[in-house]
N, C-alpha and C. Protein backbone atom coordinates (compact mmCIF):
# COMPACT_ATOMS: atom_id res chain seq x y z
N UNK A 1 -52.76 -52.21 24.08
CA UNK A 1 -52.32 -51.98 25.23
C UNK A 1 -53.05 -51.14 25.52
N UNK A 2 -54.83 -50.72 24.55
CA UNK A 2 -54.63 -48.63 24.69
C UNK A 2 -55.76 -48.84 25.93
N UNK A 3 -55.90 -50.11 26.22
CA UNK A 3 -56.58 -50.26 27.83
C UNK A 3 -55.79 -49.01 28.34
N UNK A 4 -54.21 -49.07 28.87
CA UNK A 4 -53.85 -49.08 29.36
C UNK A 4 -53.31 -47.73 29.69
N UNK A 5 -54.28 -46.48 30.27
CA UNK A 5 -54.06 -44.66 30.26
C UNK A 5 -52.75 -44.68 28.95
N UNK A 6 -51.30 -44.61 30.49
CA UNK A 6 -49.81 -44.29 30.40
C UNK A 6 -49.38 -45.37 29.52
N UNK A 7 -50.22 -46.28 28.67
CA UNK A 7 -48.79 -47.27 27.85
C UNK A 7 -48.94 -46.58 26.56
N UNK A 8 -48.06 -47.60 25.85
CA UNK A 8 -46.95 -46.96 24.82
C UNK A 8 -47.52 -47.92 23.81
N UNK A 9 -47.85 -47.26 22.67
CA UNK A 9 -48.04 -48.22 21.51
C UNK A 9 -47.08 -49.10 21.32
N UNK A 10 -47.47 -50.93 20.82
CA UNK A 10 -46.84 -52.14 21.23
C UNK A 10 -45.82 -52.61 20.95
N UNK A 11 -45.39 -53.60 20.70
CA UNK A 11 -43.90 -53.73 20.99
C UNK A 11 -42.91 -53.02 19.75
N UNK A 12 -43.77 -53.15 17.75
CA UNK A 12 -43.75 -52.33 17.06
C UNK A 12 -43.18 -50.88 16.96
N UNK A 13 -43.52 -50.45 17.54
CA UNK A 13 -43.33 -49.18 18.39
C UNK A 13 -41.48 -49.07 18.25
N UNK A 14 -40.50 -47.68 16.76
CA UNK A 14 -39.70 -47.60 16.74
C UNK A 14 -38.70 -46.78 17.78
N UNK A 15 -39.88 -46.72 18.72
CA UNK A 15 -39.79 -45.97 19.48
C UNK A 15 -38.99 -46.07 20.41
N UNK A 16 -39.40 -46.83 20.96
CA UNK A 16 -39.92 -47.53 22.51
C UNK A 16 -37.99 -48.63 22.17
N UNK A 17 -38.23 -48.37 23.93
CA UNK A 17 -36.63 -48.70 24.77
C UNK A 17 -37.02 -49.74 25.66
N UNK A 18 -35.81 -50.70 26.03
CA UNK A 18 -35.67 -52.23 26.56
C UNK A 18 -36.16 -51.71 27.83
N UNK A 19 -37.07 -52.28 28.25
CA UNK A 19 -37.77 -51.35 29.91
C UNK A 19 -36.93 -51.37 30.48
N UNK A 20 -36.62 -50.65 31.50
CA UNK A 20 -35.47 -50.18 32.35
C UNK A 20 -34.96 -50.55 33.58
N UNK A 21 -34.01 -50.78 34.77
CA UNK A 21 -33.43 -51.90 35.08
C UNK A 21 -33.21 -50.79 36.20
N UNK A 22 -33.21 -51.12 37.00
CA UNK A 22 -32.16 -50.53 38.13
C UNK A 22 -30.40 -49.85 38.38
N UNK A 23 -30.27 -50.25 37.17
CA UNK A 23 -28.77 -49.81 37.70
C UNK A 23 -28.38 -48.59 36.13
N UNK A 24 -30.07 -48.85 35.08
CA UNK A 24 -29.80 -47.28 33.82
C UNK A 24 -30.42 -46.60 35.08
N UNK A 25 -31.44 -46.40 35.90
CA UNK A 25 -32.70 -46.11 36.67
C UNK A 25 -31.38 -45.08 37.05
N UNK A 26 -30.44 -45.40 38.57
CA UNK A 26 -29.45 -45.31 39.36
C UNK A 26 -28.77 -43.66 38.57
N UNK A 27 -28.32 -44.65 37.46
CA UNK A 27 -27.42 -43.46 36.52
C UNK A 27 -28.59 -42.28 35.65
N UNK A 28 -29.45 -42.41 35.49
CA UNK A 28 -30.07 -41.46 34.35
C UNK A 28 -30.44 -39.77 35.93
N UNK A 29 -30.60 -40.71 37.11
CA UNK A 29 -31.16 -39.99 38.55
C UNK A 29 -30.34 -38.95 39.09
N UNK A 30 -28.52 -39.80 38.25
CA UNK A 30 -28.00 -38.80 39.21
C UNK A 30 -27.34 -37.37 38.13
N UNK A 31 -27.49 -38.09 36.82
CA UNK A 31 -27.20 -37.19 36.37
C UNK A 31 -28.32 -35.87 35.44
N UNK A 32 -29.69 -36.91 36.15
CA UNK A 32 -30.35 -34.92 35.86
C UNK A 32 -29.94 -34.40 36.80
N UNK A 33 -30.62 -35.63 38.18
CA UNK A 33 -29.33 -35.10 39.89
C UNK A 33 -30.87 -35.01 40.32
N UNK A 34 -31.68 -35.75 40.30
CA UNK A 34 -33.86 -36.35 40.46
C UNK A 34 -33.94 -36.74 40.50
N UNK A 35 -35.21 -36.80 41.58
CA UNK A 35 -35.61 -38.82 41.64
C UNK A 35 -37.20 -38.07 40.85
N UNK A 36 -36.72 -39.83 40.06
CA UNK A 36 -37.96 -40.07 38.79
C UNK A 36 -38.94 -41.05 40.00
N UNK A 37 -41.04 -39.94 39.44
CA UNK A 37 -41.15 -40.52 39.57
C UNK A 37 -41.69 -41.93 40.24
N UNK A 38 -41.74 -42.58 40.53
CA UNK A 38 -42.41 -44.11 41.30
C UNK A 38 -43.33 -43.90 40.27
N UNK A 39 -44.00 -43.57 39.80
CA UNK A 39 -45.03 -43.78 38.55
C UNK A 39 -44.56 -43.40 37.23
N UNK A 40 -43.10 -43.27 36.59
CA UNK A 40 -42.37 -43.27 35.13
C UNK A 40 -41.69 -43.75 35.38
N UNK A 41 -40.89 -44.21 36.98
CA UNK A 41 -40.58 -45.72 36.99
C UNK A 41 -41.07 -47.24 36.38
N UNK A 42 -42.85 -47.04 37.31
CA UNK A 42 -43.65 -48.35 36.64
C UNK A 42 -43.68 -47.75 35.16
N UNK A 43 -44.30 -47.80 35.37
CA UNK A 43 -44.35 -47.43 34.27
C UNK A 43 -43.34 -47.56 32.66
N UNK A 44 -41.67 -46.70 32.34
CA UNK A 44 -40.78 -47.31 31.76
C UNK A 44 -40.54 -48.43 32.38
N UNK A 45 -40.61 -49.50 33.04
CA UNK A 45 -40.52 -50.65 33.27
C UNK A 45 -40.53 -51.64 32.72
N UNK A 46 -42.22 -51.74 32.58
CA UNK A 46 -43.00 -52.09 31.72
C UNK A 46 -43.16 -51.36 29.77
N UNK A 47 -42.83 -50.30 29.67
CA UNK A 47 -43.29 -49.61 28.68
C UNK A 47 -41.87 -48.89 28.60
N UNK A 48 -40.76 -48.25 27.61
CA UNK A 48 -39.95 -48.02 28.16
C UNK A 48 -39.61 -46.13 27.40
N UNK A 49 -40.41 -45.62 27.34
CA UNK A 49 -40.47 -44.32 26.49
C UNK A 49 -41.87 -44.85 25.21
N UNK A 50 -41.33 -44.33 24.55
CA UNK A 50 -42.02 -44.69 23.37
C UNK A 50 -43.93 -43.60 22.72
N UNK A 51 -44.21 -44.39 21.99
CA UNK A 51 -45.83 -43.02 21.40
C UNK A 51 -46.64 -43.19 22.43
N UNK A 52 -47.13 -42.42 22.36
CA UNK A 52 -48.18 -43.01 23.42
C UNK A 52 -49.50 -43.79 22.97
N UNK A 53 -50.18 -44.32 23.55
CA UNK A 53 -51.58 -45.33 23.29
C UNK A 53 -52.69 -43.81 23.42
N UNK A 54 -52.17 -43.57 24.62
CA UNK A 54 -53.77 -41.77 24.58
C UNK A 54 -52.69 -41.09 23.90
N UNK A 55 -52.72 -40.05 23.80
CA UNK A 55 -53.05 -39.00 23.41
C UNK A 55 -53.20 -37.69 23.51
N UNK A 56 -54.12 -37.05 24.24
CA UNK A 56 -54.31 -35.97 24.91
C UNK A 56 -54.91 -36.30 26.48
N UNK A 57 -54.01 -34.62 26.84
CA UNK A 57 -55.23 -35.25 28.22
C UNK A 57 -55.59 -33.83 28.21
N UNK A 58 -56.75 -33.22 29.01
CA UNK A 58 -57.85 -32.00 29.65
C UNK A 58 -57.10 -31.13 30.39
N UNK A 59 -56.92 -30.10 29.46
CA UNK A 59 -55.80 -28.94 30.24
C UNK A 59 -57.09 -27.66 31.13
N UNK A 60 -57.09 -27.64 31.56
CA UNK A 60 -57.93 -26.99 32.25
C UNK A 60 -58.19 -24.46 31.40
N UNK A 61 -57.19 -24.46 31.29
CA UNK A 61 -56.85 -23.77 30.57
C UNK A 61 -56.97 -23.95 28.78
N UNK A 62 -56.88 -22.52 27.90
CA UNK A 62 -55.87 -22.63 26.21
C UNK A 62 -54.86 -22.51 26.39
N UNK A 63 -54.29 -23.24 25.19
CA UNK A 63 -53.26 -23.01 25.12
C UNK A 63 -52.43 -23.39 23.40
N UNK A 64 -51.57 -22.82 22.85
CA UNK A 64 -51.57 -22.59 21.36
C UNK A 64 -52.02 -23.74 20.42
N UNK A 65 -52.27 -24.58 21.13
CA UNK A 65 -52.87 -26.14 20.84
C UNK A 65 -53.98 -26.14 20.17
N UNK A 66 -54.81 -25.19 22.03
CA UNK A 66 -56.81 -25.82 22.18
C UNK A 66 -57.11 -25.12 22.83
N UNK A 67 -58.70 -25.39 22.59
CA UNK A 67 -58.87 -24.87 24.02
C UNK A 67 -58.73 -25.33 24.83
N UNK A 68 -58.89 -26.81 25.46
CA UNK A 68 -59.22 -27.43 26.15
C UNK A 68 -58.76 -28.65 26.63
N UNK A 69 -57.34 -29.35 25.73
CA UNK A 69 -57.10 -30.04 25.74
C UNK A 69 -55.33 -29.89 25.30
N UNK A 70 -54.00 -30.38 25.29
CA UNK A 70 -53.60 -30.50 24.57
C UNK A 70 -52.43 -32.07 24.59
N UNK A 71 -52.14 -32.65 23.31
CA UNK A 71 -51.87 -33.22 22.33
C UNK A 71 -49.72 -33.59 23.26
N UNK A 72 -50.34 -35.07 23.10
CA UNK A 72 -49.78 -35.57 23.54
C UNK A 72 -48.64 -36.42 22.91
N UNK A 73 -47.68 -36.73 22.79
CA UNK A 73 -47.09 -37.65 22.08
C UNK A 73 -46.48 -38.67 21.58
N UNK A 74 -45.31 -37.76 22.34
CA UNK A 74 -44.47 -40.59 23.28
C UNK A 74 -43.20 -39.26 24.00
N UNK A 75 -43.58 -41.03 25.05
CA UNK A 75 -43.13 -40.15 26.25
C UNK A 75 -41.85 -40.89 26.11
N UNK A 76 -40.51 -39.32 26.90
CA UNK A 76 -39.27 -39.61 26.81
C UNK A 76 -39.24 -41.65 27.45
N UNK A 77 -37.85 -42.07 26.79
CA UNK A 77 -37.75 -43.61 27.72
C UNK A 77 -35.91 -43.11 28.59
N UNK A 78 -36.50 -43.58 29.07
CA UNK A 78 -35.34 -43.87 30.80
C UNK A 78 -34.32 -44.25 29.98
N UNK A 79 -33.33 -43.51 29.92
CA UNK A 79 -32.40 -44.33 29.80
C UNK A 79 -31.34 -42.75 29.08
N UNK A 80 -30.67 -42.92 27.77
CA UNK A 80 -29.53 -42.04 27.35
C UNK A 80 -28.78 -42.92 25.74
N UNK A 81 -29.42 -43.24 25.37
CA UNK A 81 -29.05 -44.80 24.30
C UNK A 81 -30.13 -43.70 23.48
N UNK A 82 -30.91 -43.64 22.79
CA UNK A 82 -32.35 -43.20 22.31
C UNK A 82 -32.38 -41.32 21.86
N UNK A 83 -32.06 -40.66 21.17
CA UNK A 83 -32.36 -39.92 21.22
C UNK A 83 -32.96 -39.43 22.01
N UNK A 84 -33.97 -39.37 21.92
CA UNK A 84 -35.59 -38.85 22.65
C UNK A 84 -35.58 -39.07 24.53
N UNK A 85 -34.26 -39.53 24.87
CA UNK A 85 -34.52 -40.66 25.83
C UNK A 85 -34.15 -39.07 26.99
N UNK A 86 -34.21 -39.60 28.81
CA UNK A 86 -34.48 -38.32 29.37
C UNK A 86 -32.47 -37.34 29.27
N UNK A 87 -31.67 -38.47 28.92
CA UNK A 87 -29.89 -38.19 28.75
C UNK A 87 -29.67 -37.89 27.49
N UNK A 88 -30.44 -38.29 26.60
CA UNK A 88 -30.67 -39.01 25.29
C UNK A 88 -30.23 -37.19 24.00
N UNK A 89 -29.20 -37.62 22.70
CA UNK A 89 -29.84 -36.56 22.45
C UNK A 89 -30.39 -35.07 21.94
N UNK A 90 -31.67 -35.85 22.36
CA UNK A 90 -32.81 -34.49 22.24
C UNK A 90 -33.56 -35.10 24.09
N UNK A 91 -32.38 -35.11 24.70
CA UNK A 91 -33.49 -35.41 26.07
C UNK A 91 -33.69 -34.11 27.05
N UNK A 92 -33.87 -33.66 28.58
CA UNK A 92 -34.07 -33.22 28.81
C UNK A 92 -33.45 -31.72 28.30
N UNK A 93 -31.37 -31.64 28.71
CA UNK A 93 -30.67 -30.76 28.79
C UNK A 93 -30.16 -30.38 27.45
N UNK A 94 -31.14 -30.90 25.67
CA UNK A 94 -31.34 -30.50 24.44
C UNK A 94 -32.08 -29.18 24.42
N UNK A 95 -33.82 -29.06 25.29
CA UNK A 95 -35.16 -28.32 25.71
C UNK A 95 -34.51 -27.53 26.51
N UNK A 96 -33.87 -27.41 26.99
CA UNK A 96 -33.36 -25.57 28.45
C UNK A 96 -31.75 -25.80 27.43
N UNK A 97 -31.77 -25.72 26.52
CA UNK A 97 -30.08 -25.54 26.63
C UNK A 97 -30.00 -24.52 25.12
N UNK A 98 -30.89 -25.66 23.49
CA UNK A 98 -31.66 -25.02 22.68
C UNK A 98 -32.82 -24.88 22.43
N UNK A 99 -33.71 -24.77 23.12
CA UNK A 99 -34.69 -24.09 22.65
C UNK A 99 -35.42 -23.25 23.28
N UNK A 100 -34.07 -23.44 25.27
CA UNK A 100 -34.53 -22.38 26.14
C UNK A 100 -35.42 -22.29 26.35
N UNK A 101 -35.89 -24.43 27.32
CA UNK A 101 -37.26 -23.65 28.46
C UNK A 101 -36.92 -23.39 29.32
N UNK A 102 -37.57 -23.63 30.07
CA UNK A 102 -37.45 -22.68 31.80
C UNK A 102 -36.58 -24.02 32.45
N UNK A 103 -35.60 -24.27 33.18
CA UNK A 103 -34.99 -24.83 33.64
C UNK A 103 -36.09 -25.15 35.26
N UNK A 104 -36.96 -26.10 35.40
CA UNK A 104 -38.09 -26.73 36.41
C UNK A 104 -38.26 -27.46 36.73
N UNK A 105 -37.62 -28.59 35.83
CA UNK A 105 -38.01 -29.82 35.52
C UNK A 105 -37.28 -31.07 35.01
N UNK A 106 -38.48 -31.93 34.54
CA UNK A 106 -38.01 -32.85 33.21
C UNK A 106 -38.62 -32.41 32.29
N UNK A 107 -38.39 -32.69 31.40
CA UNK A 107 -39.03 -32.44 30.28
C UNK A 107 -39.51 -34.02 28.80
N UNK A 108 -39.74 -34.12 29.43
CA UNK A 108 -40.88 -35.63 29.18
C UNK A 108 -41.75 -35.98 28.55
N UNK A 109 -42.21 -35.34 27.84
CA UNK A 109 -43.19 -35.79 26.77
C UNK A 109 -42.82 -34.48 26.04
N UNK A 110 -43.35 -34.82 24.28
CA UNK A 110 -43.01 -34.12 23.77
C UNK A 110 -44.83 -33.62 22.60
N UNK A 111 -44.75 -32.89 22.53
CA UNK A 111 -45.94 -32.80 21.58
C UNK A 111 -45.70 -33.17 19.77
N UNK A 112 -47.11 -32.77 18.91
CA UNK A 112 -46.96 -32.49 17.98
C UNK A 112 -46.83 -31.86 17.18
N UNK A 113 -46.18 -30.81 18.25
CA UNK A 113 -45.47 -28.96 17.46
C UNK A 113 -44.93 -29.35 17.02
N UNK A 114 -43.90 -29.43 17.23
CA UNK A 114 -42.57 -29.90 16.42
C UNK A 114 -41.52 -29.38 18.20
N UNK A 115 -41.51 -29.96 19.46
CA UNK A 115 -41.67 -28.86 19.57
C UNK A 115 -41.15 -27.15 20.93
N UNK A 116 -42.92 -27.69 19.84
CA UNK A 116 -43.48 -25.91 20.11
C UNK A 116 -44.22 -25.53 21.83
N UNK A 117 -43.62 -26.87 22.26
CA UNK A 117 -44.73 -27.47 23.29
C UNK A 117 -44.29 -28.40 23.87
N UNK A 118 -44.22 -28.63 25.46
CA UNK A 118 -44.04 -29.59 25.82
C UNK A 118 -44.27 -30.21 27.51
N UNK A 119 -44.06 -31.45 27.51
CA UNK A 119 -44.79 -31.87 28.67
C UNK A 119 -44.50 -32.28 29.76
N UNK A 120 -44.04 -31.42 30.75
CA UNK A 120 -42.18 -31.26 31.78
C UNK A 120 -43.07 -32.40 33.42
N UNK A 121 -42.34 -32.59 34.26
CA UNK A 121 -42.39 -32.73 35.22
C UNK A 121 -41.44 -31.15 36.40
N UNK A 122 -42.32 -30.27 37.07
CA UNK A 122 -42.27 -29.56 37.01
C UNK A 122 -41.74 -29.61 38.58
N UNK A 123 -40.54 -29.31 39.21
CA UNK A 123 -40.17 -30.29 40.55
C UNK A 123 -39.27 -28.45 40.70
N UNK A 124 -40.13 -27.52 40.92
CA UNK A 124 -39.42 -26.22 41.91
C UNK A 124 -40.34 -25.84 43.08
N UNK A 125 -41.56 -26.89 43.08
CA UNK A 125 -42.03 -27.20 44.27
C UNK A 125 -41.79 -28.24 45.51
N UNK A 126 -42.33 -28.37 46.90
CA UNK A 126 -41.87 -29.78 47.88
C UNK A 126 -42.45 -30.83 47.32
N UNK A 127 -42.04 -32.46 47.83
CA UNK A 127 -43.10 -33.81 47.46
C UNK A 127 -42.65 -33.55 45.94
N UNK A 128 -44.05 -34.44 46.07
CA UNK A 128 -44.37 -34.79 44.02
C UNK A 128 -44.50 -33.71 43.07
N UNK A 129 -43.49 -33.97 42.01
CA UNK A 129 -43.93 -33.67 40.69
C UNK A 129 -44.68 -32.73 40.62
N UNK A 130 -45.68 -31.38 39.40
CA UNK A 130 -46.71 -31.73 38.80
C UNK A 130 -46.39 -31.77 37.41
N UNK A 131 -47.57 -32.43 37.10
CA UNK A 131 -47.25 -32.63 35.20
C UNK A 131 -47.83 -31.05 34.99
N UNK A 132 -46.68 -30.61 34.32
CA UNK A 132 -46.90 -29.29 32.79
C UNK A 132 -47.60 -29.18 32.53
N UNK A 133 -47.87 -28.44 31.15
CA UNK A 133 -47.73 -28.07 29.71
C UNK A 133 -46.51 -26.45 29.64
N UNK A 134 -45.98 -26.64 28.88
CA UNK A 134 -44.84 -25.52 28.24
C UNK A 134 -45.16 -24.34 27.37
N UNK A 135 -45.62 -24.00 27.09
CA UNK A 135 -45.90 -23.29 26.36
C UNK A 135 -45.28 -23.00 24.72
N UNK A 136 -43.67 -23.12 24.37
CA UNK A 136 -42.32 -22.12 23.90
C UNK A 136 -42.89 -21.11 22.79
N UNK A 137 -44.31 -21.58 21.91
CA UNK A 137 -45.38 -20.14 21.62
C UNK A 137 -45.34 -18.89 22.00
N UNK A 138 -46.48 -18.92 23.00
CA UNK A 138 -46.40 -17.87 24.39
C UNK A 138 -45.89 -18.32 25.35
N UNK A 139 -44.97 -17.11 25.08
CA UNK A 139 -43.71 -16.57 25.95
C UNK A 139 -43.10 -17.79 27.83
N UNK A 140 -43.72 -19.01 26.13
CA UNK A 140 -43.15 -20.84 27.48
C UNK A 140 -43.54 -20.63 28.72
N UNK A 141 -45.29 -20.51 28.67
CA UNK A 141 -46.49 -19.84 29.33
C UNK A 141 -46.70 -22.01 30.31
N UNK A 142 -46.59 -21.35 31.51
CA UNK A 142 -46.53 -23.14 31.97
C UNK A 142 -47.56 -23.12 32.94
N UNK A 143 -48.64 -24.61 32.50
CA UNK A 143 -49.93 -24.63 32.90
C UNK A 143 -50.30 -26.56 33.50
N UNK A 144 -49.67 -26.11 34.45
CA UNK A 144 -50.36 -27.32 35.50
C UNK A 144 -51.51 -27.36 35.28
N UNK A 145 -51.21 -29.18 33.84
CA UNK A 145 -52.16 -29.82 34.36
C UNK A 145 -52.98 -31.15 34.48
N UNK A 146 -51.95 -31.28 35.63
CA UNK A 146 -52.04 -32.77 37.15
C UNK A 146 -51.44 -32.38 37.85
N UNK A 147 -51.82 -33.45 38.98
CA UNK A 147 -51.42 -32.80 40.52
C UNK A 147 -49.87 -33.80 40.69
N UNK A 148 -50.28 -35.27 39.44
CA UNK A 148 -48.46 -35.55 39.86
C UNK A 148 -48.41 -36.56 38.51
N UNK A 149 -47.25 -37.41 38.19
CA UNK A 149 -47.52 -38.39 37.26
C UNK A 149 -48.55 -39.46 36.64
N UNK A 150 -48.82 -40.02 38.50
CA UNK A 150 -49.86 -41.38 38.21
C UNK A 150 -51.37 -40.33 37.65
N UNK A 151 -51.88 -39.33 38.06
CA UNK A 151 -53.52 -38.73 37.87
C UNK A 151 -52.74 -37.97 36.42
N UNK A 152 -52.01 -37.49 36.19
CA UNK A 152 -51.54 -37.81 34.26
C UNK A 152 -51.35 -38.27 33.61
N UNK A 153 -51.33 -39.25 33.49
CA UNK A 153 -51.63 -41.44 32.65
C UNK A 153 -52.44 -41.31 33.18
N UNK A 154 -52.80 -41.42 34.66
CA UNK A 154 -54.91 -41.79 34.20
C UNK A 154 -55.66 -41.27 33.29
N UNK A 155 -54.91 -39.51 33.78
CA UNK A 155 -56.22 -38.24 32.74
C UNK A 155 -56.36 -38.70 31.47
N UNK A 156 -54.93 -38.96 30.43
CA UNK A 156 -54.84 -39.15 29.08
C UNK A 156 -56.90 -40.34 28.51
N UNK A 157 -56.59 -39.26 27.37
CA UNK A 157 -57.42 -39.97 26.55
C UNK A 157 -57.03 -39.27 25.25
N UNK A 158 -58.14 -40.32 23.81
CA UNK A 158 -57.70 -40.57 23.04
C UNK A 158 -58.31 -38.99 22.51
N UNK A 159 -58.03 -38.32 21.40
CA UNK A 159 -57.26 -37.06 20.85
C UNK A 159 -58.64 -37.61 20.17
N UNK A 160 -59.85 -38.10 19.22
CA UNK A 160 -60.35 -37.80 18.90
C UNK A 160 -61.31 -37.89 19.47
N UNK A 161 -61.62 -37.64 21.04
CA UNK A 161 -63.03 -37.05 21.57
C UNK A 161 -63.08 -35.27 21.58
N UNK A 162 -61.92 -34.69 21.17
CA UNK A 162 -62.07 -33.10 21.61
C UNK A 162 -62.81 -33.18 20.15
N UNK A 163 -63.11 -31.35 20.14
CA UNK A 163 -63.75 -30.95 19.25
C UNK A 163 -62.41 -30.41 18.55
N UNK A 164 -62.10 -30.95 17.79
CA UNK A 164 -61.09 -30.28 16.95
C UNK A 164 -61.25 -29.21 16.36
N UNK A 165 -61.54 -28.53 16.17
CA UNK A 165 -62.84 -27.17 15.80
C UNK A 165 -61.69 -25.71 17.08
N UNK A 166 -60.62 -26.17 17.08
CA UNK A 166 -59.86 -24.93 18.41
C UNK A 166 -59.52 -24.05 17.14
């Protein structure tokens, strides 16, 4: 599935969950109090969480990770049974309550920094949520990296394409 930018690694990925059902979607959206973007739902119906096949996204400005990109490790599953799912033990509420991340929306992906930066859907403004990088190392600095999830997923690239000397 390397051809599909937002795809998660294959069936052998232990972090991948069963495809999203309509019932679980209704329950998750009710618990979160937010509607998920169509692109998230579409992806979860095919690849419900797990390690992303493409693991980096260009950033318009420097972050604690790099001068020109953010590394992205895995996408949260839509559900509550997996520890790293939107409503799971290490889901959205965990990042806000335990790590002090700002309550701006939904934390949908983690980065290789082990919790020191996250990718979120930012619901603070009307319309489709933007995709932001929240950098705990830099006082929870918020950087918009894509205007919507579909653009973010389409912009994922292999990290090997960036200069590692940042």
